[in-house]
N, C-alpha and C. Protein backbone atom coordinates (compact mmCIF):
# COMPACT_ATOMS: atom_id res chain seq x y z
N MET A 1 0.85 -1.19 0.00
CA MET A 1 0.00 0.00 0.00
C MET A 1 0.90 1.25 0.00
N HIS A 2 0.56 2.22 -0.87
CA HIS A 2 1.35 3.43 -0.97
C HIS A 2 1.07 4.34 0.22
N TYR A 3 2.10 5.14 0.59
CA TYR A 3 1.93 6.05 1.72
C TYR A 3 0.83 7.08 1.45
N GLY A 4 0.69 7.50 0.20
CA GLY A 4 -0.35 8.47 -0.13
C GLY A 4 -1.74 7.91 0.14
N SER A 5 -1.92 6.62 -0.19
CA SER A 5 -3.21 5.98 0.04
C SER A 5 -3.49 5.85 1.54
N ILE A 6 -2.45 5.49 2.31
CA ILE A 6 -2.60 5.37 3.76
C ILE A 6 -2.98 6.73 4.36
N LEU A 7 -2.32 7.79 3.88
CA LEU A 7 -2.60 9.13 4.38
C LEU A 7 -4.05 9.52 4.12
N ILE A 8 -4.49 9.30 2.89
CA ILE A 8 -5.87 9.67 2.53
C ILE A 8 -6.88 8.91 3.38
N GLU A 9 -6.67 7.59 3.53
CA GLU A 9 -7.62 6.78 4.29
C GLU A 9 -7.58 7.11 5.78
N THR A 10 -6.40 7.43 6.29
CA THR A 10 -6.29 7.81 7.70
C THR A 10 -7.04 9.10 7.99
N VAL A 11 -6.80 10.10 7.14
CA VAL A 11 -7.50 11.39 7.31
C VAL A 11 -9.00 11.19 7.16
N PHE A 12 -9.39 10.39 6.17
CA PHE A 12 -10.82 10.14 5.97
C PHE A 12 -11.43 9.43 7.17
N GLY A 13 -10.73 8.41 7.68
CA GLY A 13 -11.22 7.69 8.86
C GLY A 13 -11.36 8.59 10.07
N PHE A 14 -10.38 9.52 10.23
CA PHE A 14 -10.43 10.45 11.36
C PHE A 14 -11.68 11.32 11.30
N PHE A 15 -11.96 11.89 10.13
CA PHE A 15 -13.11 12.77 10.01
C PHE A 15 -14.43 12.01 10.09
N VAL A 16 -14.44 10.78 9.61
CA VAL A 16 -15.66 9.97 9.73
C VAL A 16 -15.97 9.67 11.19
N LEU A 17 -14.94 9.25 11.95
CA LEU A 17 -15.15 8.97 13.37
C LEU A 17 -15.53 10.24 14.13
N PHE A 18 -14.93 11.37 13.76
CA PHE A 18 -15.26 12.64 14.40
C PHE A 18 -16.73 12.98 14.15
N ALA A 19 -17.17 12.78 12.91
CA ALA A 19 -18.57 13.06 12.57
C ALA A 19 -19.52 12.14 13.32
N MET A 20 -19.12 10.86 13.47
CA MET A 20 -19.98 9.91 14.18
C MET A 20 -20.13 10.29 15.64
N THR A 21 -19.07 10.77 16.27
CA THR A 21 -19.17 11.16 17.68
C THR A 21 -20.10 12.35 17.84
N LYS A 22 -20.10 13.25 16.86
CA LYS A 22 -21.01 14.40 16.92
C LYS A 22 -22.45 13.97 16.74
N ILE A 23 -22.67 13.03 15.84
CA ILE A 23 -24.03 12.56 15.57
C ILE A 23 -24.59 11.78 16.75
N LEU A 24 -23.75 10.94 17.36
CA LEU A 24 -24.21 10.04 18.43
C LEU A 24 -24.29 10.73 19.79
N GLY A 25 -23.75 11.93 19.93
CA GLY A 25 -23.89 12.64 21.19
C GLY A 25 -22.56 12.92 21.85
N LYS A 26 -22.62 13.62 22.99
CA LYS A 26 -21.43 14.09 23.68
C LYS A 26 -21.12 13.28 24.93
N THR A 27 -21.33 11.99 24.89
CA THR A 27 -21.04 11.15 26.04
C THR A 27 -19.56 11.23 26.39
N GLN A 28 -19.26 11.52 27.65
CA GLN A 28 -17.87 11.61 28.09
C GLN A 28 -17.34 10.22 28.42
N ILE A 29 -16.02 10.08 28.39
CA ILE A 29 -15.40 8.79 28.64
C ILE A 29 -15.82 8.22 29.98
N ARG A 30 -15.84 9.05 31.04
CA ARG A 30 -16.19 8.56 32.36
C ARG A 30 -17.66 8.21 32.49
N GLN A 31 -18.48 8.61 31.50
CA GLN A 31 -19.90 8.34 31.54
C GLN A 31 -20.28 7.17 30.63
N LEU A 32 -19.31 6.54 30.00
CA LEU A 32 -19.62 5.45 29.08
C LEU A 32 -20.24 4.27 29.81
N THR A 33 -21.31 3.73 29.24
CA THR A 33 -21.85 2.47 29.73
C THR A 33 -21.05 1.33 29.09
N ALA A 34 -21.31 0.11 29.56
CA ALA A 34 -20.61 -1.04 28.99
C ALA A 34 -20.89 -1.15 27.49
N PHE A 35 -22.13 -0.88 27.09
CA PHE A 35 -22.49 -0.95 25.67
C PHE A 35 -21.74 0.11 24.87
N ASP A 36 -21.67 1.34 25.39
CA ASP A 36 -20.95 2.41 24.70
C ASP A 36 -19.47 2.06 24.53
N PHE A 37 -18.89 1.49 25.59
CA PHE A 37 -17.47 1.14 25.55
C PHE A 37 -17.18 0.10 24.48
N ILE A 38 -18.00 -0.96 24.43
CA ILE A 38 -17.82 -2.01 23.42
C ILE A 38 -18.03 -1.45 22.02
N SER A 39 -19.04 -0.61 21.87
CA SER A 39 -19.33 -0.02 20.55
C SER A 39 -18.17 0.84 20.06
N ALA A 40 -17.59 1.62 20.97
CA ALA A 40 -16.46 2.47 20.59
C ALA A 40 -15.26 1.63 20.17
N LEU A 41 -15.00 0.53 20.90
CA LEU A 41 -13.88 -0.35 20.54
C LEU A 41 -14.07 -0.96 19.15
N ILE A 42 -15.26 -1.46 18.90
CA ILE A 42 -15.52 -2.11 17.61
C ILE A 42 -15.44 -1.11 16.47
N LEU A 43 -16.01 0.09 16.68
CA LEU A 43 -15.95 1.10 15.64
C LEU A 43 -14.51 1.48 15.33
N GLY A 44 -13.69 1.61 16.38
CA GLY A 44 -12.28 1.92 16.16
C GLY A 44 -11.55 0.80 15.44
N GLU A 45 -11.88 -0.46 15.78
CA GLU A 45 -11.26 -1.61 15.12
C GLU A 45 -11.64 -1.66 13.65
N LEU A 46 -12.89 -1.36 13.34
CA LEU A 46 -13.33 -1.40 11.94
C LEU A 46 -12.50 -0.45 11.09
N VAL A 47 -12.29 0.77 11.60
CA VAL A 47 -11.52 1.76 10.84
C VAL A 47 -10.03 1.40 10.87
N GLY A 48 -9.52 1.03 12.05
CA GLY A 48 -8.09 0.74 12.17
C GLY A 48 -7.64 -0.41 11.30
N ASN A 49 -8.39 -1.50 11.31
CA ASN A 49 -8.02 -2.65 10.48
C ASN A 49 -8.14 -2.34 9.00
N ALA A 50 -9.15 -1.54 8.65
CA ALA A 50 -9.36 -1.21 7.24
C ALA A 50 -8.21 -0.39 6.68
N LEU A 51 -7.59 0.45 7.51
CA LEU A 51 -6.53 1.33 7.03
C LEU A 51 -5.32 0.56 6.52
N TYR A 52 -5.06 -0.62 7.06
CA TYR A 52 -3.86 -1.36 6.71
C TYR A 52 -4.15 -2.61 5.89
N ASP A 53 -5.32 -2.64 5.32
CA ASP A 53 -5.70 -3.74 4.42
C ASP A 53 -5.65 -3.23 2.99
N ASP A 54 -4.78 -3.83 2.17
CA ASP A 54 -4.62 -3.38 0.79
C ASP A 54 -5.89 -3.52 -0.03
N GLN A 55 -6.78 -4.43 0.38
CA GLN A 55 -7.98 -4.69 -0.39
C GLN A 55 -9.14 -3.78 0.02
N VAL A 56 -8.92 -2.95 1.02
CA VAL A 56 -10.00 -2.11 1.54
C VAL A 56 -9.71 -0.66 1.21
N GLY A 57 -10.71 0.01 0.65
CA GLY A 57 -10.58 1.42 0.30
C GLY A 57 -11.55 2.28 1.08
N ILE A 58 -11.65 3.53 0.64
CA ILE A 58 -12.53 4.48 1.34
C ILE A 58 -13.98 4.04 1.30
N ALA A 59 -14.41 3.45 0.18
CA ALA A 59 -15.80 3.01 0.06
C ALA A 59 -16.13 1.95 1.11
N GLU A 60 -15.21 1.01 1.29
CA GLU A 60 -15.44 -0.06 2.27
C GLU A 60 -15.44 0.49 3.70
N ILE A 61 -14.50 1.42 3.97
CA ILE A 61 -14.47 2.04 5.30
C ILE A 61 -15.78 2.77 5.57
N SER A 62 -16.23 3.53 4.59
CA SER A 62 -17.48 4.28 4.74
C SER A 62 -18.65 3.34 5.01
N PHE A 63 -18.71 2.25 4.27
CA PHE A 63 -19.81 1.30 4.43
C PHE A 63 -19.83 0.72 5.84
N ALA A 64 -18.66 0.29 6.32
CA ALA A 64 -18.59 -0.33 7.66
C ALA A 64 -18.96 0.67 8.75
N VAL A 65 -18.43 1.90 8.64
CA VAL A 65 -18.70 2.90 9.67
C VAL A 65 -20.17 3.31 9.66
N VAL A 66 -20.74 3.48 8.48
CA VAL A 66 -22.15 3.89 8.39
C VAL A 66 -23.06 2.81 8.96
N ILE A 67 -22.79 1.54 8.63
CA ILE A 67 -23.62 0.45 9.15
C ILE A 67 -23.53 0.38 10.68
N TRP A 68 -22.30 0.36 11.21
CA TRP A 68 -22.15 0.25 12.66
C TRP A 68 -22.67 1.50 13.35
N GLY A 69 -22.38 2.68 12.78
CA GLY A 69 -22.89 3.91 13.36
C GLY A 69 -24.40 3.95 13.35
N GLY A 70 -25.00 3.43 12.28
CA GLY A 70 -26.46 3.38 12.21
C GLY A 70 -27.06 2.50 13.29
N LEU A 71 -26.39 1.36 13.55
CA LEU A 71 -26.86 0.47 14.63
C LEU A 71 -26.76 1.15 15.99
N MET A 72 -25.64 1.86 16.22
CA MET A 72 -25.47 2.58 17.49
C MET A 72 -26.52 3.67 17.65
N TYR A 73 -26.76 4.41 16.56
CA TYR A 73 -27.75 5.49 16.62
C TYR A 73 -29.14 4.94 16.88
N THR A 74 -29.46 3.81 16.22
CA THR A 74 -30.77 3.19 16.43
C THR A 74 -30.94 2.75 17.87
N THR A 75 -29.87 2.18 18.45
CA THR A 75 -29.93 1.75 19.84
C THR A 75 -30.15 2.94 20.77
N GLU A 76 -29.44 4.05 20.52
CA GLU A 76 -29.63 5.25 21.33
C GLU A 76 -31.05 5.77 21.18
N TRP A 77 -31.59 5.75 19.97
CA TRP A 77 -32.95 6.23 19.72
C TRP A 77 -33.97 5.38 20.48
N ILE A 78 -33.76 4.07 20.46
CA ILE A 78 -34.67 3.17 21.18
C ILE A 78 -34.64 3.46 22.68
N SER A 79 -33.43 3.65 23.23
CA SER A 79 -33.32 3.90 24.67
C SER A 79 -33.96 5.23 25.07
N GLN A 80 -33.98 6.22 24.14
CA GLN A 80 -34.58 7.51 24.44
C GLN A 80 -36.10 7.48 24.32
N HIS A 81 -36.62 6.69 23.41
CA HIS A 81 -38.06 6.70 23.14
C HIS A 81 -38.82 5.55 23.80
N PHE A 82 -38.12 4.52 24.21
CA PHE A 82 -38.75 3.39 24.90
C PHE A 82 -38.04 3.22 26.24
N LYS A 83 -38.59 3.86 27.25
CA LYS A 83 -37.90 3.98 28.54
C LYS A 83 -37.63 2.63 29.20
N ARG A 84 -38.47 1.64 28.94
CA ARG A 84 -38.28 0.34 29.56
C ARG A 84 -37.05 -0.39 29.02
N SER A 85 -36.53 0.08 27.88
CA SER A 85 -35.35 -0.56 27.30
C SER A 85 -34.06 -0.05 27.94
N ARG A 86 -34.13 1.04 28.70
CA ARG A 86 -32.91 1.66 29.23
C ARG A 86 -32.16 0.75 30.19
N ALA A 87 -32.90 0.05 31.03
CA ALA A 87 -32.24 -0.84 31.99
C ALA A 87 -31.47 -1.93 31.27
N LEU A 88 -32.02 -2.43 30.15
CA LEU A 88 -31.36 -3.49 29.39
C LEU A 88 -30.14 -2.95 28.65
N ILE A 89 -30.28 -1.79 28.03
CA ILE A 89 -29.20 -1.26 27.19
C ILE A 89 -28.14 -0.55 28.03
N GLU A 90 -28.57 0.29 28.96
CA GLU A 90 -27.64 1.12 29.72
C GLU A 90 -27.33 0.56 31.10
N GLY A 91 -28.17 -0.36 31.58
CA GLY A 91 -28.03 -0.85 32.95
C GLY A 91 -28.68 0.12 33.92
N LYS A 92 -28.62 -0.19 35.22
CA LYS A 92 -29.18 0.70 36.23
C LYS A 92 -28.30 0.67 37.47
N PRO A 93 -28.30 1.76 38.24
CA PRO A 93 -27.46 1.80 39.45
C PRO A 93 -27.92 0.77 40.48
N ASP A 94 -26.97 0.31 41.30
CA ASP A 94 -27.27 -0.63 42.38
C ASP A 94 -26.70 -0.10 43.68
N ILE A 95 -27.45 -0.26 44.77
CA ILE A 95 -26.98 0.17 46.09
C ILE A 95 -26.14 -0.96 46.69
N VAL A 96 -24.85 -0.71 46.84
CA VAL A 96 -23.95 -1.75 47.38
C VAL A 96 -23.74 -1.60 48.88
N ILE A 97 -23.94 -0.39 49.40
CA ILE A 97 -23.92 -0.17 50.85
C ILE A 97 -25.21 0.56 51.21
N ARG A 98 -25.97 -0.03 52.07
CA ARG A 98 -27.28 0.52 52.45
C ARG A 98 -27.32 0.71 53.96
N LYS A 99 -27.44 1.98 54.38
CA LYS A 99 -27.46 2.31 55.80
C LYS A 99 -26.27 1.70 56.55
N GLY A 100 -25.10 1.81 55.89
CA GLY A 100 -23.87 1.34 56.50
C GLY A 100 -23.59 -0.14 56.37
N LYS A 101 -24.51 -0.90 55.75
CA LYS A 101 -24.36 -2.34 55.62
C LYS A 101 -24.06 -2.73 54.18
N LEU A 102 -23.04 -3.57 54.00
CA LEU A 102 -22.73 -4.08 52.67
C LEU A 102 -23.84 -5.02 52.21
N ASP A 103 -24.26 -4.87 50.96
CA ASP A 103 -25.25 -5.77 50.38
C ASP A 103 -24.51 -6.83 49.56
N ARG A 104 -24.33 -7.99 50.14
CA ARG A 104 -23.53 -9.05 49.51
C ARG A 104 -24.16 -9.54 48.22
N GLN A 105 -25.50 -9.60 48.18
CA GLN A 105 -26.16 -10.09 46.98
C GLN A 105 -25.95 -9.15 45.79
N VAL A 106 -26.03 -7.85 46.05
CA VAL A 106 -25.80 -6.88 44.99
C VAL A 106 -24.35 -6.93 44.52
N MET A 107 -23.42 -7.06 45.47
CA MET A 107 -22.00 -7.15 45.11
C MET A 107 -21.73 -8.41 44.29
N LYS A 108 -22.36 -9.50 44.68
CA LYS A 108 -22.18 -10.76 43.94
C LYS A 108 -22.75 -10.64 42.53
N LYS A 109 -23.91 -10.01 42.41
CA LYS A 109 -24.53 -9.85 41.09
C LYS A 109 -23.65 -9.03 40.16
N ASN A 110 -22.98 -8.02 40.72
CA ASN A 110 -22.13 -7.13 39.92
C ASN A 110 -20.67 -7.57 39.88
N LYS A 111 -20.40 -8.79 40.46
CA LYS A 111 -19.04 -9.33 40.47
C LYS A 111 -18.06 -8.32 41.07
N LEU A 112 -18.46 -7.76 42.20
CA LEU A 112 -17.68 -6.75 42.90
C LEU A 112 -17.22 -7.31 44.24
N ASP A 113 -15.89 -7.35 44.46
CA ASP A 113 -15.40 -7.85 45.74
C ASP A 113 -15.01 -6.68 46.65
N ILE A 114 -14.70 -7.00 47.90
CA ILE A 114 -14.40 -5.99 48.90
C ILE A 114 -13.21 -5.12 48.50
N ASN A 115 -12.16 -5.75 47.97
CA ASN A 115 -10.97 -4.99 47.59
C ASN A 115 -11.29 -3.97 46.51
N GLN A 116 -12.09 -4.38 45.53
CA GLN A 116 -12.47 -3.45 44.46
C GLN A 116 -13.31 -2.31 45.02
N LEU A 117 -14.25 -2.64 45.90
CA LEU A 117 -15.10 -1.62 46.48
C LEU A 117 -14.29 -0.63 47.31
N GLN A 118 -13.36 -1.16 48.11
CA GLN A 118 -12.52 -0.28 48.92
C GLN A 118 -11.68 0.64 48.05
N HIS A 119 -11.19 0.12 46.94
CA HIS A 119 -10.42 0.95 46.02
C HIS A 119 -11.27 2.10 45.48
N MET A 120 -12.51 1.80 45.09
CA MET A 120 -13.38 2.84 44.54
C MET A 120 -13.78 3.85 45.61
N LEU A 121 -13.93 3.39 46.85
CA LEU A 121 -14.24 4.31 47.94
C LEU A 121 -13.07 5.25 48.21
N ARG A 122 -11.84 4.71 48.16
CA ARG A 122 -10.66 5.55 48.38
C ARG A 122 -10.55 6.65 47.32
N LEU A 123 -11.00 6.36 46.11
CA LEU A 123 -11.01 7.38 45.07
C LEU A 123 -11.96 8.52 45.40
N LYS A 124 -12.90 8.24 46.31
CA LYS A 124 -13.84 9.26 46.78
C LYS A 124 -13.40 9.83 48.14
N ASP A 125 -12.15 9.60 48.51
CA ASP A 125 -11.59 10.07 49.78
C ASP A 125 -12.30 9.44 50.98
N VAL A 126 -12.73 8.21 50.83
CA VAL A 126 -13.33 7.45 51.93
C VAL A 126 -12.42 6.26 52.21
N PHE A 127 -11.86 6.20 53.41
CA PHE A 127 -10.86 5.18 53.71
C PHE A 127 -11.37 4.10 54.67
N THR A 128 -12.61 4.21 55.06
CA THR A 128 -13.21 3.14 55.86
C THR A 128 -14.69 3.03 55.53
N ILE A 129 -15.16 1.79 55.42
CA ILE A 129 -16.57 1.55 55.10
C ILE A 129 -17.46 2.07 56.22
N ARG A 130 -16.93 2.19 57.42
CA ARG A 130 -17.72 2.67 58.55
C ARG A 130 -18.20 4.11 58.37
N ASP A 131 -17.52 4.86 57.49
CA ASP A 131 -17.92 6.25 57.25
C ASP A 131 -19.02 6.37 56.19
N VAL A 132 -19.41 5.24 55.59
CA VAL A 132 -20.35 5.27 54.47
C VAL A 132 -21.75 4.90 54.93
N ASP A 133 -22.71 5.76 54.61
CA ASP A 133 -24.11 5.44 54.88
C ASP A 133 -24.71 4.74 53.65
N TYR A 134 -24.46 5.31 52.47
CA TYR A 134 -24.91 4.69 51.22
C TYR A 134 -23.80 4.77 50.19
N ALA A 135 -23.67 3.72 49.40
CA ALA A 135 -22.77 3.72 48.24
C ALA A 135 -23.53 3.11 47.08
N ILE A 136 -23.51 3.79 45.95
CA ILE A 136 -24.26 3.36 44.78
C ILE A 136 -23.30 3.07 43.63
N LEU A 137 -23.38 1.86 43.11
CA LEU A 137 -22.58 1.48 41.95
C LEU A 137 -23.29 1.97 40.69
N GLU A 138 -22.68 2.95 40.01
CA GLU A 138 -23.30 3.56 38.85
C GLU A 138 -23.13 2.69 37.60
N THR A 139 -23.86 3.05 36.54
CA THR A 139 -23.82 2.26 35.31
C THR A 139 -22.49 2.33 34.60
N ASP A 140 -21.68 3.37 34.90
CA ASP A 140 -20.36 3.47 34.26
C ASP A 140 -19.27 2.80 35.08
N GLY A 141 -19.66 2.10 36.18
CA GLY A 141 -18.69 1.38 36.98
C GLY A 141 -18.09 2.17 38.12
N THR A 142 -18.44 3.45 38.26
CA THR A 142 -17.96 4.25 39.38
C THR A 142 -18.91 4.11 40.57
N VAL A 143 -18.46 4.61 41.73
CA VAL A 143 -19.28 4.54 42.93
C VAL A 143 -19.58 5.95 43.43
N SER A 144 -20.85 6.22 43.71
CA SER A 144 -21.25 7.47 44.34
C SER A 144 -21.46 7.20 45.82
N VAL A 145 -20.96 8.10 46.67
CA VAL A 145 -20.94 7.85 48.12
C VAL A 145 -21.67 8.94 48.87
N LEU A 146 -22.52 8.52 49.80
CA LEU A 146 -23.14 9.43 50.76
C LEU A 146 -22.60 9.05 52.13
N LYS A 147 -21.81 9.96 52.71
CA LYS A 147 -21.16 9.67 53.99
C LYS A 147 -22.13 9.82 55.16
N LYS A 148 -21.76 9.18 56.26
CA LYS A 148 -22.52 9.36 57.49
C LYS A 148 -22.34 10.79 57.99
N THR A 149 -23.24 11.21 58.86
CA THR A 149 -23.25 12.61 59.30
C THR A 149 -21.93 13.04 59.89
N TYR A 150 -21.36 12.23 60.79
CA TYR A 150 -20.11 12.65 61.43
C TYR A 150 -18.96 12.73 60.44
N ALA A 151 -19.03 11.92 59.38
CA ALA A 151 -17.97 11.95 58.35
C ALA A 151 -18.18 13.10 57.37
N GLN A 152 -19.43 13.55 57.24
CA GLN A 152 -19.72 14.64 56.32
C GLN A 152 -19.25 15.99 56.85
N ALA A 153 -19.53 16.24 58.12
CA ALA A 153 -19.28 17.58 58.63
C ALA A 153 -18.75 17.56 60.05
N PRO A 154 -17.55 17.03 60.26
CA PRO A 154 -17.00 16.99 61.62
C PRO A 154 -16.80 18.37 62.22
N ASP A 155 -16.48 19.37 61.39
CA ASP A 155 -16.26 20.72 61.90
C ASP A 155 -17.54 21.30 62.50
N ARG A 156 -18.66 21.03 61.83
CA ARG A 156 -19.93 21.55 62.33
C ARG A 156 -20.30 20.87 63.64
N LEU A 157 -19.97 19.59 63.75
CA LEU A 157 -20.27 18.89 65.00
C LEU A 157 -19.43 19.45 66.15
N ASP A 158 -18.15 19.76 65.85
CA ASP A 158 -17.28 20.30 66.89
C ASP A 158 -17.80 21.64 67.41
N LEU A 159 -18.46 22.39 66.51
CA LEU A 159 -18.97 23.70 66.89
C LEU A 159 -20.39 23.63 67.44
N ASN A 160 -20.91 22.39 67.57
CA ASN A 160 -22.27 22.18 68.07
C ASN A 160 -23.32 22.87 67.21
N LEU A 161 -23.04 22.95 65.90
CA LEU A 161 -24.00 23.52 64.97
C LEU A 161 -24.91 22.41 64.44
N PRO A 162 -26.14 22.76 64.05
CA PRO A 162 -27.05 21.72 63.55
C PRO A 162 -26.56 21.11 62.24
N VAL A 163 -26.68 19.82 62.15
CA VAL A 163 -26.27 19.09 60.96
C VAL A 163 -27.48 18.34 60.42
N LYS A 164 -27.72 18.48 59.14
CA LYS A 164 -28.85 17.80 58.53
C LYS A 164 -28.62 16.29 58.54
N PRO A 165 -29.60 15.50 59.02
CA PRO A 165 -29.44 14.05 59.05
C PRO A 165 -29.16 13.49 57.66
N VAL A 166 -28.42 12.38 57.61
CA VAL A 166 -28.11 11.75 56.34
C VAL A 166 -29.34 11.04 55.80
N VAL A 167 -29.72 11.39 54.60
CA VAL A 167 -30.85 10.72 53.94
C VAL A 167 -30.46 10.47 52.49
N LEU A 168 -30.99 9.40 51.93
CA LEU A 168 -30.72 9.08 50.53
C LEU A 168 -31.95 9.43 49.71
N PRO A 169 -31.83 10.35 48.76
CA PRO A 169 -32.98 10.68 47.92
C PRO A 169 -33.25 9.56 46.91
N PHE A 170 -34.51 9.38 46.57
CA PHE A 170 -34.91 8.35 45.61
C PHE A 170 -35.69 8.99 44.47
N THR A 171 -35.34 8.61 43.25
CA THR A 171 -36.11 9.04 42.08
C THR A 171 -37.35 8.17 41.97
N LEU A 172 -38.52 8.78 42.06
CA LEU A 172 -39.77 8.02 42.02
C LEU A 172 -40.43 8.05 40.64
N ILE A 173 -40.20 9.13 39.90
CA ILE A 173 -40.76 9.24 38.54
C ILE A 173 -39.66 9.74 37.62
N ASN A 174 -39.52 9.07 36.51
CA ASN A 174 -38.52 9.46 35.51
C ASN A 174 -39.19 9.48 34.15
N ASP A 175 -39.30 10.69 33.58
CA ASP A 175 -39.85 10.84 32.24
C ASP A 175 -41.26 10.24 32.14
N GLY A 176 -42.08 10.52 33.13
CA GLY A 176 -43.47 10.10 33.08
C GLY A 176 -43.75 8.67 33.51
N GLU A 177 -42.74 7.97 34.01
CA GLU A 177 -42.93 6.59 34.43
C GLU A 177 -42.47 6.39 35.87
N ILE A 178 -43.23 5.61 36.63
CA ILE A 178 -42.90 5.36 38.03
C ILE A 178 -41.74 4.37 38.13
N ILE A 179 -40.80 4.66 39.01
CA ILE A 179 -39.71 3.73 39.32
C ILE A 179 -40.17 2.90 40.51
N TYR A 180 -40.77 1.75 40.23
CA TYR A 180 -41.41 0.96 41.27
C TYR A 180 -40.41 0.41 42.28
N ASP A 181 -39.20 0.11 41.84
CA ASP A 181 -38.18 -0.39 42.77
C ASP A 181 -37.91 0.63 43.87
N ASN A 182 -37.80 1.90 43.49
CA ASN A 182 -37.54 2.95 44.47
C ASN A 182 -38.76 3.21 45.35
N LEU A 183 -39.94 3.05 44.77
CA LEU A 183 -41.16 3.21 45.56
C LEU A 183 -41.23 2.14 46.65
N THR A 184 -40.77 0.94 46.30
CA THR A 184 -40.72 -0.14 47.29
C THR A 184 -39.69 0.16 48.36
N GLU A 185 -38.56 0.77 47.96
CA GLU A 185 -37.50 1.09 48.92
C GLU A 185 -38.00 2.00 50.05
N ILE A 186 -38.93 2.89 49.73
CA ILE A 186 -39.42 3.81 50.76
C ILE A 186 -40.74 3.33 51.37
N ASN A 187 -41.11 2.08 51.04
CA ASN A 187 -42.30 1.45 51.62
C ASN A 187 -43.57 2.25 51.34
N GLN A 188 -43.70 2.70 50.10
CA GLN A 188 -44.89 3.44 49.71
C GLN A 188 -45.52 2.81 48.47
N THR A 189 -46.71 3.28 48.12
CA THR A 189 -47.47 2.72 47.01
C THR A 189 -47.72 3.78 45.94
N GLN A 190 -48.24 3.33 44.82
CA GLN A 190 -48.58 4.26 43.75
C GLN A 190 -49.67 5.22 44.19
N GLU A 191 -50.61 4.72 44.99
CA GLU A 191 -51.69 5.58 45.49
C GLU A 191 -51.12 6.73 46.33
N TRP A 192 -50.13 6.40 47.19
CA TRP A 192 -49.49 7.44 47.99
C TRP A 192 -48.80 8.46 47.10
N LEU A 193 -48.13 7.99 46.06
CA LEU A 193 -47.43 8.88 45.15
C LEU A 193 -48.41 9.81 44.45
N GLU A 194 -49.52 9.27 44.01
CA GLU A 194 -50.54 10.11 43.34
C GLU A 194 -51.10 11.15 44.29
N GLN A 195 -51.24 10.78 45.57
CA GLN A 195 -51.71 11.75 46.55
C GLN A 195 -50.71 12.88 46.73
N GLN A 196 -49.42 12.54 46.76
CA GLN A 196 -48.39 13.56 46.90
C GLN A 196 -48.38 14.51 45.71
N LEU A 197 -48.62 13.97 44.54
CA LEU A 197 -48.68 14.82 43.35
C LEU A 197 -49.92 15.71 43.38
N ALA A 198 -51.02 15.15 43.88
CA ALA A 198 -52.26 15.93 43.96
C ALA A 198 -52.09 17.13 44.89
N LEU A 199 -51.27 16.98 45.93
CA LEU A 199 -51.01 18.10 46.84
C LEU A 199 -50.34 19.26 46.12
N GLN A 200 -49.69 18.96 44.99
CA GLN A 200 -49.03 20.00 44.20
C GLN A 200 -49.78 20.30 42.92
N GLN A 201 -51.09 19.94 42.94
CA GLN A 201 -51.99 20.20 41.80
C GLN A 201 -51.52 19.55 40.50
N ILE A 202 -50.97 18.35 40.62
CA ILE A 202 -50.56 17.59 39.43
C ILE A 202 -51.49 16.39 39.31
N ALA A 203 -52.22 16.33 38.21
CA ALA A 203 -53.28 15.33 38.08
C ALA A 203 -52.79 13.99 37.57
N SER A 204 -51.73 13.99 36.77
CA SER A 204 -51.31 12.74 36.14
C SER A 204 -49.81 12.53 36.26
N ILE A 205 -49.43 11.27 36.47
CA ILE A 205 -48.02 10.91 36.51
C ILE A 205 -47.35 11.18 35.17
N LYS A 206 -48.12 11.06 34.09
CA LYS A 206 -47.58 11.30 32.75
C LYS A 206 -47.12 12.74 32.56
N ASP A 207 -47.62 13.65 33.42
CA ASP A 207 -47.22 15.06 33.31
C ASP A 207 -45.92 15.36 34.03
N VAL A 208 -45.37 14.36 34.73
CA VAL A 208 -44.17 14.57 35.55
C VAL A 208 -42.93 14.11 34.81
N PHE A 209 -41.97 15.02 34.68
CA PHE A 209 -40.70 14.67 34.06
C PHE A 209 -39.78 14.01 35.08
N TYR A 210 -39.79 14.54 36.30
CA TYR A 210 -38.89 14.03 37.35
C TYR A 210 -39.51 14.29 38.71
N ALA A 211 -39.49 13.26 39.55
CA ALA A 211 -39.94 13.42 40.93
C ALA A 211 -38.97 12.71 41.85
N GLU A 212 -38.53 13.41 42.89
CA GLU A 212 -37.53 12.89 43.81
C GLU A 212 -38.07 12.94 45.24
N TYR A 213 -37.88 11.84 45.95
CA TYR A 213 -38.32 11.74 47.33
C TYR A 213 -37.13 11.85 48.28
N GLU A 214 -37.31 12.65 49.33
CA GLU A 214 -36.34 12.72 50.41
C GLU A 214 -37.12 12.75 51.71
N GLU A 215 -36.72 11.91 52.64
CA GLU A 215 -37.44 11.75 53.89
C GLU A 215 -37.64 13.10 54.59
N ASN A 216 -38.88 13.32 55.07
CA ASN A 216 -39.27 14.52 55.81
C ASN A 216 -39.23 15.78 54.96
N GLU A 217 -39.24 15.61 53.64
CA GLU A 217 -39.27 16.76 52.74
C GLU A 217 -40.44 16.62 51.77
N LEU A 218 -40.92 17.75 51.27
CA LEU A 218 -41.96 17.73 50.25
C LEU A 218 -41.40 17.13 48.97
N LEU A 219 -42.21 16.33 48.30
CA LEU A 219 -41.77 15.69 47.06
C LEU A 219 -41.29 16.75 46.06
N HIS A 220 -40.08 16.57 45.55
CA HIS A 220 -39.54 17.52 44.57
C HIS A 220 -39.98 17.07 43.19
N VAL A 221 -40.73 17.95 42.51
CA VAL A 221 -41.35 17.57 41.23
C VAL A 221 -41.01 18.57 40.15
N GLN A 222 -40.68 18.06 38.98
CA GLN A 222 -40.52 18.88 37.79
C GLN A 222 -41.42 18.33 36.70
N THR A 223 -42.31 19.16 36.18
CA THR A 223 -43.26 18.70 35.18
C THR A 223 -42.67 18.79 33.77
N MET A 224 -43.39 18.17 32.84
CA MET A 224 -42.93 18.14 31.45
C MET A 224 -42.84 19.55 30.86
């Protein structure tokens, strides 16, 4: 293969991949789901292998990228328009530490051991599990941590100032659909949720874009 041909195909591949990232959205590396990560690897392999194959030209590269990019775009479109598909395609967060207790079943399901969890907690400046009230394993493989009260604000405690109790907020409605798992977590029913919405003059769950529950607080609601 001539160097001129390699140069042309490399530049072409670069701009095609750049265009695909613009079309498919601005997902950041740290926000990639497992599906996004695999898709990015395969798309890169398709272009990379094609560049050094004497039998493959720009037309073949274009065909492969367009087909794979089309599949990725279709998958993203499905996840945006059919909310029930999101858990399958993108996954969903799991609570690995609940009220200071490790959830062994959740850790086993996610193939997460203690050493791995401790490593992820240290990245959040948490060096002992005893300081954690809740830890949530996100879909991108990172951990979000809600510390216990004394670990959150030791300075305020030393000054005898009031400290807000540690509570974990729960998303109850997402894009017009009830998150029943979270409703179960707070030991409430759909009827209770509808009553809470009625207190804010909201007649239908379908009118709610986002609703968040926090103990001893009014339901936080954002409508469509």
